[in-house]
Amino acid sequence: MIRLRVREIARAKGLTQGGLSRKANIDVKTLRRILRNPTEIVTTETLDKLATALNVDASLLIESDPPLPKTIEVGQVEEEDDAIDDEE
């Protein structure tokens, strides 16, 4: 399962809900939903707004629970690309 780390990062940066909502240009109700439920489905646009407002890379806002490997071998990527091409 993917979990958002918005609360932790915003807290570490000293931002309130209202402050982050304004800075990210996101409705405060939307932000509250994300903060209350870190597995909330969000758009990439919302994720980008939050990352920009928090001044962090978007990848820092996401974590796998349970943790999964963070890297793969280059050969695995090529094999996966070929598999996707074969499906078309």
Protein backbone atom coordinates (compact mmCIF):
# COMPACT_ATOMS: atom_id res chain seq x y z
CA MET A 1 0.00 0.00 0.00
CA ILE A 2 1.22 3.51 -0.77
CA ARG A 3 1.10 6.07 2.01
CA LEU A 4 1.58 9.84 1.82
CA ARG A 5 4.02 11.51 4.21
CA VAL A 6 2.57 15.02 3.93
CA ARG A 7 1.81 15.37 7.65
CA GLU A 8 5.31 14.42 8.77
CA ILE A 9 7.07 16.67 6.28
CA ALA A 10 4.76 19.65 6.86
CA ARG A 11 5.23 19.28 10.62
CA ALA A 12 9.02 19.11 10.22
CA LYS A 13 8.88 22.34 8.20
CA GLY A 14 6.64 24.03 10.79
CA LEU A 15 3.66 24.48 8.47
CA THR A 16 0.07 24.51 9.68
CA GLN A 17 -2.83 23.04 7.70
CA GLY A 18 -3.98 26.50 6.71
CA GLY A 19 -0.50 27.63 5.77
CA LEU A 20 0.17 24.57 3.63
CA SER A 21 -3.27 24.82 2.05
CA ARG A 22 -2.62 28.42 1.00
CA LYS A 23 0.97 27.82 -0.08
CA ALA A 24 -0.01 24.78 -2.20
CA ASN A 25 -3.22 26.42 -3.47
CA ILE A 26 -5.21 23.37 -2.35
CA ASP A 27 -8.62 23.53 -0.70
CA VAL A 28 -8.23 23.09 3.06
CA LYS A 29 -10.88 20.32 3.04
CA THR A 30 -8.83 18.36 0.51
CA LEU A 31 -5.70 18.80 2.59
CA ARG A 32 -7.51 17.68 5.75
CA ARG A 33 -8.64 14.50 3.96
CA ILE A 34 -5.05 13.78 2.94
CA LEU A 35 -3.72 14.45 6.45
CA ARG A 36 -6.40 12.34 8.16
CA ASN A 37 -6.08 9.47 5.69
CA PRO A 38 -2.51 9.16 4.38
CA THR A 39 -3.63 6.44 1.96
CA GLU A 40 -6.07 8.88 0.30
CA ILE A 41 -6.03 8.81 -3.49
CA VAL A 42 -4.60 12.06 -4.85
CA THR A 43 -3.88 13.30 -8.34
CA THR A 44 -0.34 13.86 -9.55
CA GLU A 45 -1.26 17.54 -9.82
CA THR A 46 -2.11 17.69 -6.10
CA LEU A 47 1.04 15.76 -5.25
CA ASP A 48 3.09 18.20 -7.31
CA LYS A 49 1.47 21.21 -5.60
CA LEU A 50 2.23 19.75 -2.17
CA ALA A 51 5.82 18.92 -3.11
CA THR A 52 6.37 22.43 -4.47
CA ALA A 53 4.83 24.06 -1.40
CA LEU A 54 6.95 21.88 0.89
CA ASN A 55 10.04 22.43 -1.29
CA VAL A 56 10.77 18.70 -1.57
CA ASP A 57 10.90 16.18 -4.38
CA ALA A 58 7.51 14.50 -4.82
CA SER A 59 9.12 11.11 -4.24
CA LEU A 60 9.71 12.12 -0.59
CA LEU A 61 5.96 12.43 -0.07
CA ILE A 62 5.33 8.78 -0.90
CA GLU A 63 6.29 5.61 0.91
CA SER A 64 5.38 1.96 0.56
CA ASP A 65 3.90 0.20 3.55
CA PRO A 66 5.36 -2.36 3.97
CA PRO A 67 8.62 -1.04 2.50
CA LEU A 68 9.61 -2.40 -0.90
CA PRO A 69 13.02 -2.36 -2.64
CA LYS A 70 13.87 1.16 -3.81
CA THR A 71 16.03 0.13 -6.75
CA ILE A 72 15.95 -2.38 -9.57
CA GLU A 73 18.60 -3.63 -11.92
CA VAL A 74 18.83 -1.92 -15.32
CA GLY A 75 18.28 -5.27 -17.02
CA GLN A 76 14.97 -5.65 -15.19
CA VAL A 77 13.76 -2.32 -16.58
CA GLU A 78 14.59 -3.36 -20.15
CA GLU A 79 12.81 -6.68 -19.69
CA GLU A 80 9.74 -4.92 -18.32
CA ASP A 81 9.73 -2.46 -21.23
CA ASP A 82 9.82 -5.36 -23.70
CA ALA A 83 6.93 -7.05 -21.89
CA ILE A 84 4.84 -3.92 -22.17
CA ASP A 85 5.58 -3.65 -25.89
CA ASP A 86 4.56 -7.28 -26.44
CA GLU A 87 1.09 -6.67 -24.99
CA GLU A 88 0.16 -4.12 -27.67
